[in-house]
Amino acid sequence: MSKQKSTRRERGDQAAQLARTGPANPAPPATNNSTTPEERRHFKLGWWSLFVFVCLGITLEGMLAFRVGWYMDVGDNETHRLMLRLGHAHGTLLSVLNIAFAASLARLSLPAIARTLASRCLAAATLLVPGGFILGGLITHGSEPGLGIVLLPVGAILLLFGIFQVARNTGK
């Protein structure tokens, strides 16, 4: 028996027939159900907060470029600039930390309570630390930041506690 190569027309007819009938065992659609609620929450929080804080940074650069008086004038406005820049920088860093936390959860074998505590503390710190700087910088009292700055120490303590939970339970 000779093995002849099929013609282009025969191969086209075979492909058309296969397309009409479909494969015998179609593969199920690819889904990623292996992620935990914490992973999804921190990926979402991390990427959205990164978007917000990068937008804030672009806005600050725009105010600098267009010499907006409220932002640029020396004196009391220096506190505005400092607090807003610190809010932008800390917010961006904490956003990236959320993404790193979500990406590392699959590799860490954290106990459920440590995972939950770390997740909640990190999420709260992502809002409180930059929020304290930003709120403290929007309304200032002379060279002193506004009342919103009281959020900062609470967020910092929660951040330290969340990082401690991960560090303590890593490598067990």
Protein backbone atom coordinates (compact mmCIF):
# COMPACT_ATOMS: atom_id res chain seq x y z
CA MET A 1 0.00 0.00 0.00
CA SER A 2 1.39 3.36 -0.95
CA LYS A 3 1.13 6.36 1.29
CA GLN A 4 0.17 9.31 -0.81
CA LYS A 5 0.02 12.77 0.60
CA SER A 6 -3.53 14.13 0.53
CA THR A 7 -4.21 17.00 -1.79
CA ARG A 8 -4.88 20.51 -0.62
CA ARG A 9 -8.54 20.12 -1.55
CA GLU A 10 -8.88 16.91 0.45
CA ARG A 11 -7.24 18.51 3.49
CA GLY A 12 -9.59 21.49 3.18
CA ASP A 13 -12.62 19.18 2.97
CA GLN A 14 -11.43 17.28 6.06
CA ALA A 15 -10.97 20.52 8.00
CA ALA A 16 -14.42 21.75 6.98
CA GLN A 17 -15.97 18.42 8.04
CA LEU A 18 -14.19 18.60 11.41
CA ALA A 19 -15.37 22.19 11.93
CA ARG A 20 -19.00 21.17 11.24
CA THR A 21 -18.98 18.19 13.57
CA GLY A 22 -16.65 19.58 16.23
CA PRO A 23 -14.16 17.59 18.24
CA ALA A 24 -15.37 14.42 19.90
CA ASN A 25 -14.30 15.52 23.40
CA PRO A 26 -14.22 19.31 23.61
CA ALA A 27 -11.94 20.66 26.31
CA PRO A 28 -13.70 22.52 29.11
CA PRO A 29 -13.06 26.25 29.20
CA ALA A 30 -10.01 27.19 31.21
CA THR A 31 -10.97 28.63 34.58
CA ASN A 32 -8.83 29.62 37.50
CA ASN A 33 -10.78 28.44 40.52
CA SER A 34 -7.68 27.77 42.57
CA THR A 35 -7.40 31.32 43.88
CA THR A 36 -8.55 32.08 47.40
CA PRO A 37 -10.81 34.97 48.37
CA GLU A 38 -7.82 36.73 49.93
CA GLU A 39 -5.82 36.44 46.72
CA ARG A 40 -8.64 37.87 44.62
CA ARG A 41 -9.32 40.64 47.16
CA HIS A 42 -5.67 41.73 47.33
CA PHE A 43 -5.12 41.55 43.58
CA LYS A 44 -8.21 43.72 43.09
CA LEU A 45 -7.33 46.11 45.92
CA GLY A 46 -3.71 46.30 44.81
CA TRP A 47 -4.37 47.04 41.16
CA TRP A 48 -7.22 49.50 41.79
CA SER A 49 -5.36 51.38 44.50
CA LEU A 50 -2.26 51.46 42.30
CA PHE A 51 -4.41 53.05 39.58
CA VAL A 52 -5.77 55.64 42.04
CA PHE A 53 -2.38 56.55 43.51
CA VAL A 54 -0.69 56.78 40.12
CA CYS A 55 -3.52 59.11 39.04
CA LEU A 56 -2.86 61.17 42.18
CA GLY A 57 0.81 61.34 41.25
CA ILE A 58 -0.04 62.52 37.74
CA THR A 59 -2.38 65.14 39.22
CA LEU A 60 0.37 66.38 41.54
CA GLU A 61 2.77 66.59 38.61
CA GLY A 62 0.15 68.54 36.67
CA MET A 63 -0.28 71.01 39.54
CA LEU A 64 3.49 71.38 39.62
CA ALA A 65 3.71 71.88 35.85
CA PHE A 66 0.93 74.48 35.75
CA ARG A 67 2.15 76.21 38.92
CA VAL A 68 -1.18 75.92 40.76
CA GLY A 69 -0.96 78.46 43.59
CA TRP A 70 -2.62 76.28 46.22
CA TYR A 71 0.02 73.64 45.60
CA MET A 72 3.06 75.73 44.70
CA ASP A 73 3.08 78.84 46.87
CA VAL A 74 5.71 78.74 49.57
CA GLY A 75 4.87 78.97 53.24
CA ASP A 76 1.93 77.00 54.55
CA ASN A 77 1.46 75.28 51.21
CA GLU A 78 4.71 73.42 51.66
CA THR A 79 2.84 71.20 54.12
CA HIS A 80 0.19 70.54 51.44
CA ARG A 81 2.87 69.45 49.00
CA LEU A 82 4.70 67.26 51.48
CA MET A 83 1.60 65.48 52.80
CA LEU A 84 0.15 64.85 49.33
CA ARG A 85 3.47 63.53 48.02
CA LEU A 86 3.80 61.25 51.04
CA GLY A 87 0.24 60.00 50.52
CA HIS A 88 0.96 59.25 46.86
CA ALA A 89 4.25 57.49 47.60
CA HIS A 90 2.94 55.40 50.50
CA GLY A 91 -0.24 54.53 48.62
CA THR A 92 1.71 53.34 45.59
CA LEU A 93 4.06 51.26 47.73
CA LEU A 94 1.21 49.66 49.69
CA SER A 95 -0.63 48.90 46.44
CA VAL A 96 2.38 46.97 45.17
CA LEU A 97 2.63 45.25 48.57
CA ASN A 98 -0.98 44.05 48.17
CA ILE A 99 -0.18 42.60 44.75
CA ALA A 100 2.93 40.88 46.14
CA PHE A 101 0.93 39.52 49.08
CA ALA A 102 -1.72 38.10 46.75
CA ALA A 103 0.91 36.55 44.51
CA SER A 104 2.74 34.95 47.44
CA LEU A 105 -0.29 33.49 49.23
CA ALA A 106 -0.24 30.34 47.09
CA ARG A 107 3.39 29.71 48.08
CA LEU A 108 2.96 30.44 51.78
CA SER A 109 1.44 27.94 54.13
CA LEU A 110 -0.11 30.43 56.51
CA PRO A 111 -2.56 29.17 59.12
CA ALA A 112 -6.09 30.39 58.42
CA ILE A 113 -6.12 32.85 61.33
CA ALA A 114 -2.76 34.38 60.34
CA ARG A 115 -3.88 34.62 56.71
CA THR A 116 -7.09 36.40 57.72
CA LEU A 117 -5.36 38.77 60.14
CA ALA A 118 -2.62 39.64 57.68
CA SER A 119 -5.16 40.19 54.91
CA ARG A 120 -7.39 42.48 56.96
CA CYS A 121 -4.51 44.45 58.46
CA LEU A 122 -2.83 44.97 55.09
CA ALA A 123 -6.08 46.05 53.44
CA ALA A 124 -6.84 48.52 56.25
CA ALA A 125 -3.29 49.90 56.20
CA THR A 126 -3.53 50.45 52.44
CA LEU A 127 -6.41 52.84 53.09
CA LEU A 128 -5.38 54.40 56.40
CA VAL A 129 -1.69 55.22 55.84
CA PRO A 130 -2.00 57.16 52.57
CA GLY A 131 -5.44 58.40 53.61
CA GLY A 132 -3.95 59.96 56.74
CA PHE A 133 -1.28 61.76 54.72
CA ILE A 134 -3.74 62.95 52.08
CA LEU A 135 -6.42 64.12 54.52
CA GLY A 136 -3.75 65.74 56.66
CA GLY A 137 -2.48 67.62 53.61
CA LEU A 138 -5.78 68.81 52.16
CA ILE A 139 -6.60 71.06 55.11
CA THR A 140 -3.61 72.30 57.08
CA HIS A 141 -3.30 74.56 60.12
CA GLY A 142 -0.30 76.71 59.39
CA SER A 143 2.61 74.39 59.00
CA GLU A 144 0.79 71.57 60.83
CA PRO A 145 -1.15 68.88 58.99
CA GLY A 146 -4.91 68.59 59.41
CA LEU A 147 -6.80 66.24 61.71
CA GLY A 148 -6.80 63.44 59.11
CA ILE A 149 -3.20 62.67 60.05
CA VAL A 150 -4.49 60.71 63.08
CA LEU A 151 -5.28 57.85 60.67
CA LEU A 152 -1.58 57.39 59.98
CA PRO A 153 -0.42 55.81 63.28
CA VAL A 154 -3.39 53.42 63.30
CA GLY A 155 -2.60 52.34 59.74
CA ALA A 156 1.10 51.99 60.53
CA ILE A 157 0.39 49.70 63.49
CA LEU A 158 -1.96 47.57 61.38
CA LEU A 159 0.66 47.37 58.64
CA LEU A 160 3.32 46.20 61.10
CA PHE A 161 0.95 43.64 62.62
CA GLY A 162 0.00 42.28 59.18
CA ILE A 163 3.62 41.98 58.07
CA PHE A 164 4.48 40.33 61.39
CA GLN A 165 1.77 37.70 60.82
CA VAL A 166 3.24 36.78 57.46
CA ALA A 167 6.86 36.87 58.62
CA ARG A 168 6.20 34.81 61.74
CA ASN A 169 4.43 32.07 59.83
CA THR A 170 6.73 31.93 56.81
CA GLY A 171 8.95 28.90 56.61
CA LYS A 172 7.05 26.76 59.11
